[in-house]
């Protein structure tokens, strides 16, 4: 998934529910926030 162009909300939430490393957590939380903002904008 690191090499994927984008991840959907379900995938991001699954990753964030696991005890992943803080660097990865910060990046994925930012991706999820941006994705939700885009959905809200639409």
ModelCIF file with pLDDT and N, C-alpha, C, O atoms, coordinates in Angstrom:
data_MODEL
#
_entry.id   MODEL 
#
_entity.id                         1 
_entity.type                       polymer 
_entity.pdbx_number_of_molecules   1 
#
_entity_poly.entity_id                      1 
_entity_poly.type                           'polypeptide(L)' 
_entity_poly.nstd_linkage                   no 
_entity_poly.nstd_monomer                   no 
_entity_poly.pdbx_seq_one_letter_code       
;(UNK)(UNK)(UNK)(UNK)(UNK)(UNK)(UNK)(UNK)(UNK)(UNK)(UNK)(UNK)(UNK)(UNK)(UNK)(UNK)
(UNK)(UNK)(UNK)(UNK)(UNK)(UNK)(UNK)(UNK)(UNK)(UNK)(UNK)(UNK)(UNK)(UNK)(UNK)(UNK)
(UNK)(UNK)(UNK)(UNK)(UNK)(UNK)(UNK)(UNK)(UNK)(UNK)
;
_entity_poly.pdbx_seq_one_letter_code_can   XXXXXXXXXXXXXXXXXXXXXXXXXXXXXXXXXXXXXXXXXX 
_entity_poly.pdbx_strand_id                 A 
#
loop_
_entity_poly_seq.entity_id 
_entity_poly_seq.num 
_entity_poly_seq.mon_id 
_entity_poly_seq.hetero 
1 1  UNK n 
1 2  UNK n 
1 3  UNK n 
1 4  UNK n 
1 5  UNK n 
1 6  UNK n 
1 7  UNK n 
1 8  UNK n 
1 9  UNK n 
1 10 UNK n 
1 11 UNK n 
1 12 UNK n 
1 13 UNK n 
1 14 UNK n 
1 15 UNK n 
1 16 UNK n 
1 17 UNK n 
1 18 UNK n 
1 19 UNK n 
1 20 UNK n 
1 21 UNK n 
1 22 UNK n 
1 23 UNK n 
1 24 UNK n 
1 25 UNK n 
1 26 UNK n 
1 27 UNK n 
1 28 UNK n 
1 29 UNK n 
1 30 UNK n 
1 31 UNK n 
1 32 UNK n 
1 33 UNK n 
1 34 UNK n 
1 35 UNK n 
1 36 UNK n 
1 37 UNK n 
1 38 UNK n 
1 39 UNK n 
1 40 UNK n 
1 41 UNK n 
1 42 UNK n 
#
_struct_asym.id          A 
_struct_asym.entity_id   1 
#
loop_
_ma_qa_metric.id 
_ma_qa_metric.mode 
_ma_qa_metric.name 
_ma_qa_metric.software_group_id 
_ma_qa_metric.type 
1 global pLDDT . pLDDT 
2 local  pLDDT . pLDDT 
#
_ma_qa_metric_global.metric_id      1 
_ma_qa_metric_global.metric_value   89.57 
_ma_qa_metric_global.model_id       1 
_ma_qa_metric_global.ordinal_id     1 
#
loop_
_ma_qa_metric_local.label_asym_id 
_ma_qa_metric_local.label_comp_id 
_ma_qa_metric_local.label_seq_id 
_ma_qa_metric_local.metric_id 
_ma_qa_metric_local.metric_value 
_ma_qa_metric_local.model_id 
_ma_qa_metric_local.ordinal_id 
A UNK 1  2 94.00 1 1  
A UNK 2  2 94.00 1 2  
A UNK 3  2 93.00 1 3  
A UNK 4  2 90.00 1 4  
A UNK 5  2 83.00 1 5  
A UNK 6  2 87.00 1 6  
A UNK 7  2 92.00 1 7  
A UNK 8  2 93.00 1 8  
A UNK 9  2 93.00 1 9  
A UNK 10 2 93.00 1 10 
A UNK 11 2 94.00 1 11 
A UNK 12 2 94.00 1 12 
A UNK 13 2 94.00 1 13 
A UNK 14 2 94.00 1 14 
A UNK 15 2 94.00 1 15 
A UNK 16 2 95.00 1 16 
A UNK 17 2 95.00 1 17 
A UNK 18 2 95.00 1 18 
A UNK 19 2 96.00 1 19 
A UNK 20 2 95.00 1 20 
A UNK 21 2 93.00 1 21 
A UNK 22 2 92.00 1 22 
A UNK 23 2 89.00 1 23 
A UNK 24 2 92.00 1 24 
A UNK 25 2 94.00 1 25 
A UNK 26 2 92.00 1 26 
A UNK 27 2 91.00 1 27 
A UNK 28 2 93.00 1 28 
A UNK 29 2 94.00 1 29 
A UNK 30 2 92.00 1 30 
A UNK 31 2 92.00 1 31 
A UNK 32 2 93.00 1 32 
A UNK 33 2 91.00 1 33 
A UNK 34 2 90.00 1 34 
A UNK 35 2 89.00 1 35 
A UNK 36 2 88.00 1 36 
A UNK 37 2 87.00 1 37 
A UNK 38 2 81.00 1 38 
A UNK 39 2 70.00 1 39 
A UNK 40 2 71.00 1 40 
A UNK 41 2 66.00 1 41 
A UNK 42 2 64.00 1 42 
#
loop_
_atom_site.group_PDB 
_atom_site.id 
_atom_site.type_symbol 
_atom_site.label_atom_id 
_atom_site.label_alt_id 
_atom_site.label_comp_id 
_atom_site.label_asym_id 
_atom_site.label_entity_id 
_atom_site.label_seq_id 
_atom_site.pdbx_PDB_ins_code 
_atom_site.Cartn_x 
_atom_site.Cartn_y 
_atom_site.Cartn_z 
_atom_site.occupancy 
_atom_site.B_iso_or_equiv 
_atom_site.pdbx_formal_charge 
_atom_site.auth_seq_id 
_atom_site.auth_comp_id 
_atom_site.auth_asym_id 
_atom_site.auth_atom_id 
_atom_site.pdbx_PDB_model_num 
ATOM 1   N N  . UNK A 1 1  ? 0.816   -1.219 0.000  1.00 94.00 ? 1  UNK A N  1 
ATOM 2   C CA . UNK A 1 1  ? 0.000   0.000  0.000  1.00 94.00 ? 1  UNK A CA 1 
ATOM 3   C C  . UNK A 1 1  ? 0.846   1.265  0.000  1.00 94.00 ? 1  UNK A C  1 
ATOM 4   O O  . UNK A 1 1  ? 0.376   2.326  -0.411 1.00 94.00 ? 1  UNK A O  1 
ATOM 5   N N  . UNK A 1 2  ? 2.097   1.161  0.460  1.00 94.00 ? 2  UNK A N  1 
ATOM 6   C CA . UNK A 1 2  ? 2.980   2.325  0.430  1.00 94.00 ? 2  UNK A CA 1 
ATOM 7   C C  . UNK A 1 2  ? 3.141   2.839  -1.003 1.00 94.00 ? 2  UNK A C  1 
ATOM 8   O O  . UNK A 1 2  ? 3.285   4.041  -1.226 1.00 94.00 ? 2  UNK A O  1 
ATOM 9   N N  . UNK A 1 3  ? 3.116   1.930  -1.958 1.00 93.00 ? 3  UNK A N  1 
ATOM 10  C CA . UNK A 1 3  ? 3.333   2.295  -3.357 1.00 93.00 ? 3  UNK A CA 1 
ATOM 11  C C  . UNK A 1 3  ? 2.041   2.593  -4.105 1.00 93.00 ? 3  UNK A C  1 
ATOM 12  O O  . UNK A 1 3  ? 2.082   2.947  -5.283 1.00 93.00 ? 3  UNK A O  1 
ATOM 13  N N  . UNK A 1 4  ? 0.899   2.457  -3.446 1.00 90.00 ? 4  UNK A N  1 
ATOM 14  C CA . UNK A 1 4  ? -0.380  2.718  -4.095 1.00 90.00 ? 4  UNK A CA 1 
ATOM 15  C C  . UNK A 1 4  ? -0.566  4.213  -4.324 1.00 90.00 ? 4  UNK A C  1 
ATOM 16  O O  . UNK A 1 4  ? -0.142  5.032  -3.509 1.00 90.00 ? 4  UNK A O  1 
ATOM 17  N N  . UNK A 1 5  ? -1.197  4.558  -5.430 1.00 83.00 ? 5  UNK A N  1 
ATOM 18  C CA . UNK A 1 5  ? -1.432  5.970  -5.743 1.00 83.00 ? 5  UNK A CA 1 
ATOM 19  C C  . UNK A 1 5  ? -2.314  6.626  -4.694 1.00 83.00 ? 5  UNK A C  1 
ATOM 20  O O  . UNK A 1 5  ? -2.112  7.791  -4.351 1.00 83.00 ? 5  UNK A O  1 
ATOM 21  N N  . UNK A 1 6  ? -3.294  5.885  -4.179 1.00 87.00 ? 6  UNK A N  1 
ATOM 22  C CA . UNK A 1 6  ? -4.181  6.397  -3.134 1.00 87.00 ? 6  UNK A CA 1 
ATOM 23  C C  . UNK A 1 6  ? -4.815  5.212  -2.422 1.00 87.00 ? 6  UNK A C  1 
ATOM 24  O O  . UNK A 1 6  ? -4.883  4.107  -2.960 1.00 87.00 ? 6  UNK A O  1 
ATOM 25  N N  . UNK A 1 7  ? -5.276  5.462  -1.206 1.00 92.00 ? 7  UNK A N  1 
ATOM 26  C CA . UNK A 1 7  ? -5.936  4.442  -0.409 1.00 92.00 ? 7  UNK A CA 1 
ATOM 27  C C  . UNK A 1 7  ? -7.340  4.908  -0.064 1.00 92.00 ? 7  UNK A C  1 
ATOM 28  O O  . UNK A 1 7  ? -7.563  6.091  0.193  1.00 92.00 ? 7  UNK A O  1 
ATOM 29  N N  . UNK A 1 8  ? -8.286  3.978  -0.058 1.00 93.00 ? 8  UNK A N  1 
ATOM 30  C CA . UNK A 1 8  ? -9.649  4.371  0.276  1.00 93.00 ? 8  UNK A CA 1 
ATOM 31  C C  . UNK A 1 8  ? -9.832  4.471  1.787  1.00 93.00 ? 8  UNK A C  1 
ATOM 32  O O  . UNK A 1 8  ? -8.951  4.088  2.558  1.00 93.00 ? 8  UNK A O  1 
ATOM 33  N N  . UNK A 1 9  ? -10.979 4.988  2.196  1.00 93.00 ? 9  UNK A N  1 
ATOM 34  C CA . UNK A 1 9  ? -11.228 5.228  3.617  1.00 93.00 ? 9  UNK A CA 1 
ATOM 35  C C  . UNK A 1 9  ? -11.160 3.937  4.432  1.00 93.00 ? 9  UNK A C  1 
ATOM 36  O O  . UNK A 1 9  ? -10.573 3.920  5.514  1.00 93.00 ? 9  UNK A O  1 
ATOM 37  N N  . UNK A 1 10 ? -11.751 2.862  3.923  1.00 93.00 ? 10 UNK A N  1 
ATOM 38  C CA . UNK A 1 10 ? -11.774 1.604  4.662  1.00 93.00 ? 10 UNK A CA 1 
ATOM 39  C C  . UNK A 1 10 ? -10.359 1.079  4.905  1.00 93.00 ? 10 UNK A C  1 
ATOM 40  O O  . UNK A 1 10 ? -10.053 0.594  5.994  1.00 93.00 ? 10 UNK A O  1 
ATOM 41  N N  . UNK A 1 11 ? -9.508  1.175  3.900  1.00 94.00 ? 11 UNK A N  1 
ATOM 42  C CA . UNK A 1 11 ? -8.129  0.704  4.044  1.00 94.00 ? 11 UNK A CA 1 
ATOM 43  C C  . UNK A 1 11 ? -7.365  1.548  5.047  1.00 94.00 ? 11 UNK A C  1 
ATOM 44  O O  . UNK A 1 11 ? -6.649  1.016  5.895  1.00 94.00 ? 11 UNK A O  1 
ATOM 45  N N  . UNK A 1 12 ? -7.516  2.858  4.954  1.00 94.00 ? 12 UNK A N  1 
ATOM 46  C CA . UNK A 1 12 ? -6.834  3.749  5.897  1.00 94.00 ? 12 UNK A CA 1 
ATOM 47  C C  . UNK A 1 12 ? -7.271  3.471  7.330  1.00 94.00 ? 12 UNK A C  1 
ATOM 48  O O  . UNK A 1 12 ? -6.444  3.455  8.242  1.00 94.00 ? 12 UNK A O  1 
ATOM 49  N N  . UNK A 1 13 ? -8.559  3.253  7.529  1.00 94.00 ? 13 UNK A N  1 
ATOM 50  C CA . UNK A 1 13 ? -9.064  2.994  8.878  1.00 94.00 ? 13 UNK A CA 1 
ATOM 51  C C  . UNK A 1 13 ? -8.549  1.651  9.402  1.00 94.00 ? 13 UNK A C  1 
ATOM 52  O O  . UNK A 1 13 ? -8.265  1.525  10.594 1.00 94.00 ? 13 UNK A O  1 
ATOM 53  N N  . UNK A 1 14 ? -8.426  0.656  8.538  1.00 94.00 ? 14 UNK A N  1 
ATOM 54  C CA . UNK A 1 14 ? -7.876  -0.630 8.971  1.00 94.00 ? 14 UNK A CA 1 
ATOM 55  C C  . UNK A 1 14 ? -6.430  -0.479 9.399  1.00 94.00 ? 14 UNK A C  1 
ATOM 56  O O  . UNK A 1 14 ? -6.013  -1.044 10.410 1.00 94.00 ? 14 UNK A O  1 
ATOM 57  N N  . UNK A 1 15 ? -5.668  0.277  8.634  1.00 94.00 ? 15 UNK A N  1 
ATOM 58  C CA . UNK A 1 15 ? -4.274  0.508  8.995  1.00 94.00 ? 15 UNK A CA 1 
ATOM 59  C C  . UNK A 1 15 ? -4.171  1.237  10.333 1.00 94.00 ? 15 UNK A C  1 
ATOM 60  O O  . UNK A 1 15 ? -3.366  0.874  11.192 1.00 94.00 ? 15 UNK A O  1 
ATOM 61  N N  . UNK A 1 16 ? -4.989  2.257  10.493 1.00 95.00 ? 16 UNK A N  1 
ATOM 62  C CA . UNK A 1 16 ? -4.938  3.070  11.712 1.00 95.00 ? 16 UNK A CA 1 
ATOM 63  C C  . UNK A 1 16 ? -5.422  2.312  12.943 1.00 95.00 ? 16 UNK A C  1 
ATOM 64  O O  . UNK A 1 16 ? -5.076  2.670  14.069 1.00 95.00 ? 16 UNK A O  1 
ATOM 65  N N  . UNK A 1 17 ? -6.222  1.263  12.733 1.00 95.00 ? 17 UNK A N  1 
ATOM 66  C CA . UNK A 1 17 ? -6.695  0.457  13.866 1.00 95.00 ? 17 UNK A CA 1 
ATOM 67  C C  . UNK A 1 17 ? -5.619  -0.491 14.379 1.00 95.00 ? 17 UNK A C  1 
ATOM 68  O O  . UNK A 1 17 ? -5.726  -1.014 15.488 1.00 95.00 ? 17 UNK A O  1 
ATOM 69  N N  . UNK A 1 18 ? -4.583  -0.715 13.575 1.00 95.00 ? 18 UNK A N  1 
ATOM 70  C CA . UNK A 1 18 ? -3.482  -1.593 13.964 1.00 95.00 ? 18 UNK A CA 1 
ATOM 71  C C  . UNK A 1 18 ? -2.394  -0.777 14.669 1.00 95.00 ? 18 UNK A C  1 
ATOM 72  O O  . UNK A 1 18 ? -2.350  0.444  14.511 1.00 95.00 ? 18 UNK A O  1 
ATOM 73  N N  . UNK A 1 19 ? -1.521  -1.420 15.437 1.00 96.00 ? 19 UNK A N  1 
ATOM 74  C CA . UNK A 1 19 ? -0.454  -0.701 16.160 1.00 96.00 ? 19 UNK A CA 1 
ATOM 75  C C  . UNK A 1 19 ? 0.734   -0.370 15.258 1.00 96.00 ? 19 UNK A C  1 
ATOM 76  O O  . UNK A 1 19 ? 1.854   -0.816 15.504 1.00 96.00 ? 19 UNK A O  1 
ATOM 77  N N  . UNK A 1 20 ? 0.477   0.420  14.208 1.00 95.00 ? 20 UNK A N  1 
ATOM 78  C CA . UNK A 1 20 ? 1.506   0.775  13.241 1.00 95.00 ? 20 UNK A CA 1 
ATOM 79  C C  . UNK A 1 20 ? 2.468   1.814  13.827 1.00 95.00 ? 20 UNK A C  1 
ATOM 80  O O  . UNK A 1 20 ? 2.184   2.439  14.849 1.00 95.00 ? 20 UNK A O  1 
ATOM 81  N N  . UNK A 1 21 ? 3.610   1.983  13.154 1.00 93.00 ? 21 UNK A N  1 
ATOM 82  C CA . UNK A 1 21 ? 4.616   2.951  13.597 1.00 93.00 ? 21 UNK A CA 1 
ATOM 83  C C  . UNK A 1 21 ? 4.088   4.372  13.507 1.00 93.00 ? 21 UNK A C  1 
ATOM 84  O O  . UNK A 1 21 ? 3.233   4.670  12.672 1.00 93.00 ? 21 UNK A O  1 
ATOM 85  N N  . UNK A 1 22 ? 4.594   5.248  14.364 1.00 92.00 ? 22 UNK A N  1 
ATOM 86  C CA . UNK A 1 22 ? 4.085   6.606  14.470 1.00 92.00 ? 22 UNK A CA 1 
ATOM 87  C C  . UNK A 1 22 ? 4.269   7.378  13.162 1.00 92.00 ? 22 UNK A C  1 
ATOM 88  O O  . UNK A 1 22 ? 3.406   8.179  12.804 1.00 92.00 ? 22 UNK A O  1 
ATOM 89  N N  . UNK A 1 23 ? 5.376   7.158  12.439 1.00 89.00 ? 23 UNK A N  1 
ATOM 90  C CA . UNK A 1 23 ? 5.566   7.862  11.163 1.00 89.00 ? 23 UNK A CA 1 
ATOM 91  C C  . UNK A 1 23 ? 4.462   7.487  10.183 1.00 89.00 ? 23 UNK A C  1 
ATOM 92  O O  . UNK A 1 23 ? 3.889   8.348  9.516  1.00 89.00 ? 23 UNK A O  1 
ATOM 93  N N  . UNK A 1 24 ? 4.172   6.195  10.106 1.00 92.00 ? 24 UNK A N  1 
ATOM 94  C CA . UNK A 1 24 ? 3.122   5.723  9.208  1.00 92.00 ? 24 UNK A CA 1 
ATOM 95  C C  . UNK A 1 24 ? 1.757   6.200  9.680  1.00 92.00 ? 24 UNK A C  1 
ATOM 96  O O  . UNK A 1 24 ? 0.909   6.570  8.867  1.00 92.00 ? 24 UNK A O  1 
ATOM 97  N N  . UNK A 1 25 ? 1.542   6.193  10.990 1.00 94.00 ? 25 UNK A N  1 
ATOM 98  C CA . UNK A 1 25 ? 0.264   6.637  11.548 1.00 94.00 ? 25 UNK A CA 1 
ATOM 99  C C  . UNK A 1 25 ? -0.001  8.106  11.207 1.00 94.00 ? 25 UNK A C  1 
ATOM 100 O O  . UNK A 1 25 ? -1.103  8.466  10.793 1.00 94.00 ? 25 UNK A O  1 
ATOM 101 N N  . UNK A 1 26 ? 1.005   8.934  11.382 1.00 92.00 ? 26 UNK A N  1 
ATOM 102 C CA . UNK A 1 26 ? 0.838   10.362 11.089 1.00 92.00 ? 26 UNK A CA 1 
ATOM 103 C C  . UNK A 1 26 ? 0.501   10.591 9.627  1.00 92.00 ? 26 UNK A C  1 
ATOM 104 O O  . UNK A 1 26 ? -0.360  11.406 9.298  1.00 92.00 ? 26 UNK A O  1 
ATOM 105 N N  . UNK A 1 27 ? 1.195   9.856  8.740  1.00 91.00 ? 27 UNK A N  1 
ATOM 106 C CA . UNK A 1 27 ? 0.959   10.019 7.308  1.00 91.00 ? 27 UNK A CA 1 
ATOM 107 C C  . UNK A 1 27 ? -0.440  9.550  6.923  1.00 91.00 ? 27 UNK A C  1 
ATOM 108 O O  . UNK A 1 27 ? -1.128  10.208 6.143  1.00 91.00 ? 27 UNK A O  1 
ATOM 109 N N  . UNK A 1 28 ? -0.852  8.423  7.465  1.00 93.00 ? 28 UNK A N  1 
ATOM 110 C CA . UNK A 1 28 ? -2.160  7.878  7.097  1.00 93.00 ? 28 UNK A CA 1 
ATOM 111 C C  . UNK A 1 28 ? -3.301  8.678  7.724  1.00 93.00 ? 28 UNK A C  1 
ATOM 112 O O  . UNK A 1 28 ? -4.370  8.803  7.127  1.00 93.00 ? 28 UNK A O  1 
ATOM 113 N N  . UNK A 1 29 ? -3.083  9.214  8.909  1.00 94.00 ? 29 UNK A N  1 
ATOM 114 C CA . UNK A 1 29 ? -4.109  10.061 9.512  1.00 94.00 ? 29 UNK A CA 1 
ATOM 115 C C  . UNK A 1 29 ? -4.306  11.316 8.668  1.00 94.00 ? 29 UNK A C  1 
ATOM 116 O O  . UNK A 1 29 ? -5.431  11.779 8.482  1.00 94.00 ? 29 UNK A O  1 
ATOM 117 N N  . UNK A 1 30 ? -3.200  11.864 8.160  1.00 92.00 ? 30 UNK A N  1 
ATOM 118 C CA . UNK A 1 30 ? -3.298  13.039 7.289  1.00 92.00 ? 30 UNK A CA 1 
ATOM 119 C C  . UNK A 1 30 ? -4.021  12.689 5.992  1.00 92.00 ? 30 UNK A C  1 
ATOM 120 O O  . UNK A 1 30 ? -4.819  13.483 5.494  1.00 92.00 ? 30 UNK A O  1 
ATOM 121 N N  . UNK A 1 31 ? -3.746  11.502 5.443  1.00 92.00 ? 31 UNK A N  1 
ATOM 122 C CA . UNK A 1 31 ? -4.438  11.071 4.223  1.00 92.00 ? 31 UNK A CA 1 
ATOM 123 C C  . UNK A 1 31 ? -5.935  10.914 4.463  1.00 92.00 ? 31 UNK A C  1 
ATOM 124 O O  . UNK A 1 31 ? -6.755  11.314 3.637  1.00 92.00 ? 31 UNK A O  1 
ATOM 125 N N  . UNK A 1 32 ? -6.278  10.324 5.613  1.00 93.00 ? 32 UNK A N  1 
ATOM 126 C CA . UNK A 1 32 ? -7.692  10.123 5.922  1.00 93.00 ? 32 UNK A CA 1 
ATOM 127 C C  . UNK A 1 32 ? -8.399  11.458 6.103  1.00 93.00 ? 32 UNK A C  1 
ATOM 128 O O  . UNK A 1 32 ? -9.511  11.639 5.605  1.00 93.00 ? 32 UNK A O  1 
ATOM 129 N N  . UNK A 1 33 ? -7.774  12.392 6.807  1.00 91.00 ? 33 UNK A N  1 
ATOM 130 C CA . UNK A 1 33 ? -8.368  13.714 7.017  1.00 91.00 ? 33 UNK A CA 1 
ATOM 131 C C  . UNK A 1 33 ? -8.610  14.414 5.683  1.00 91.00 ? 33 UNK A C  1 
ATOM 132 O O  . UNK A 1 33 ? -9.671  15.000 5.466  1.00 91.00 ? 33 UNK A O  1 
ATOM 133 N N  . UNK A 1 34 ? -7.631  14.351 4.802  1.00 90.00 ? 34 UNK A N  1 
ATOM 134 C CA . UNK A 1 34 ? -7.769  14.983 3.483  1.00 90.00 ? 34 UNK A CA 1 
ATOM 135 C C  . UNK A 1 34 ? -8.879  14.318 2.678  1.00 90.00 ? 34 UNK A C  1 
ATOM 136 O O  . UNK A 1 34 ? -9.653  14.996 2.003  1.00 90.00 ? 34 UNK A O  1 
ATOM 137 N N  . UNK A 1 35 ? -8.955  12.988 2.750  1.00 89.00 ? 35 UNK A N  1 
ATOM 138 C CA . UNK A 1 35 ? -9.983  12.261 2.015  1.00 89.00 ? 35 UNK A CA 1 
ATOM 139 C C  . UNK A 1 35 ? -11.380 12.626 2.498  1.00 89.00 ? 35 UNK A C  1 
ATOM 140 O O  . UNK A 1 35 ? -12.290 12.834 1.697  1.00 89.00 ? 35 UNK A O  1 
ATOM 141 N N  . UNK A 1 36 ? -11.540 12.703 3.823  1.00 88.00 ? 36 UNK A N  1 
ATOM 142 C CA . UNK A 1 36 ? -12.852 13.063 4.386  1.00 88.00 ? 36 UNK A CA 1 
ATOM 143 C C  . UNK A 1 36 ? -13.237 14.491 4.035  1.00 88.00 ? 36 UNK A C  1 
ATOM 144 O O  . UNK A 1 36 ? -14.406 14.774 3.769  1.00 88.00 ? 36 UNK A O  1 
ATOM 145 N N  . UNK A 1 37 ? -12.275 15.379 4.031  1.00 87.00 ? 37 UNK A N  1 
ATOM 146 C CA . UNK A 1 37 ? -12.524 16.770 3.644  1.00 87.00 ? 37 UNK A CA 1 
ATOM 147 C C  . UNK A 1 37 ? -12.976 16.854 2.187  1.00 87.00 ? 37 UNK A C  1 
ATOM 148 O O  . UNK A 1 37 ? -13.879 17.622 1.855  1.00 87.00 ? 37 UNK A O  1 
ATOM 149 N N  . UNK A 1 38 ? -12.344 16.063 1.321  1.00 81.00 ? 38 UNK A N  1 
ATOM 150 C CA . UNK A 1 38 ? -12.736 16.044 -0.088 1.00 81.00 ? 38 UNK A CA 1 
ATOM 151 C C  . UNK A 1 38 ? -14.162 15.506 -0.240 1.00 81.00 ? 38 UNK A C  1 
ATOM 152 O O  . UNK A 1 38 ? -14.948 16.035 -1.026 1.00 81.00 ? 38 UNK A O  1 
ATOM 153 N N  . UNK A 1 39 ? -14.490 14.454 0.514  1.00 70.00 ? 39 UNK A N  1 
ATOM 154 C CA . UNK A 1 39 ? -15.834 13.884 0.445  1.00 70.00 ? 39 UNK A CA 1 
ATOM 155 C C  . UNK A 1 39 ? -16.871 14.894 0.922  1.00 70.00 ? 39 UNK A C  1 
ATOM 156 O O  . UNK A 1 39 ? -17.939 15.032 0.326  1.00 70.00 ? 39 UNK A O  1 
ATOM 157 N N  . UNK A 1 40 ? -16.542 15.604 2.012  1.00 71.00 ? 40 UNK A N  1 
ATOM 158 C CA . UNK A 1 40 ? -17.460 16.612 2.534  1.00 71.00 ? 40 UNK A CA 1 
ATOM 159 C C  . UNK A 1 40 ? -17.659 17.752 1.535  1.00 71.00 ? 40 UNK A C  1 
ATOM 160 O O  . UNK A 1 40 ? -18.757 18.295 1.404  1.00 71.00 ? 40 UNK A O  1 
ATOM 161 N N  . UNK A 1 41 ? -16.586 18.102 0.837  1.00 66.00 ? 41 UNK A N  1 
ATOM 162 C CA . UNK A 1 41 ? -16.669 19.170 -0.147 1.00 66.00 ? 41 UNK A CA 1 
ATOM 163 C C  . UNK A 1 41 ? -17.579 18.786 -1.310 1.00 66.00 ? 41 UNK A C  1 
ATOM 164 O O  . UNK A 1 41 ? -18.299 19.625 -1.852 1.00 66.00 ? 41 UNK A O  1 
ATOM 165 N N  . UNK A 1 42 ? -17.539 17.503 -1.687 1.00 64.00 ? 42 UNK A N  1 
ATOM 166 C CA . UNK A 1 42 ? -18.401 17.051 -2.788 1.00 64.00 ? 42 UNK A CA 1 
ATOM 167 C C  . UNK A 1 42 ? -19.869 17.004 -2.393 1.00 64.00 ? 42 UNK A C  1 
ATOM 168 O O  . UNK A 1 42 ? -20.716 16.644 -3.210 1.00 64.00 ? 42 UNK A O  1 
#
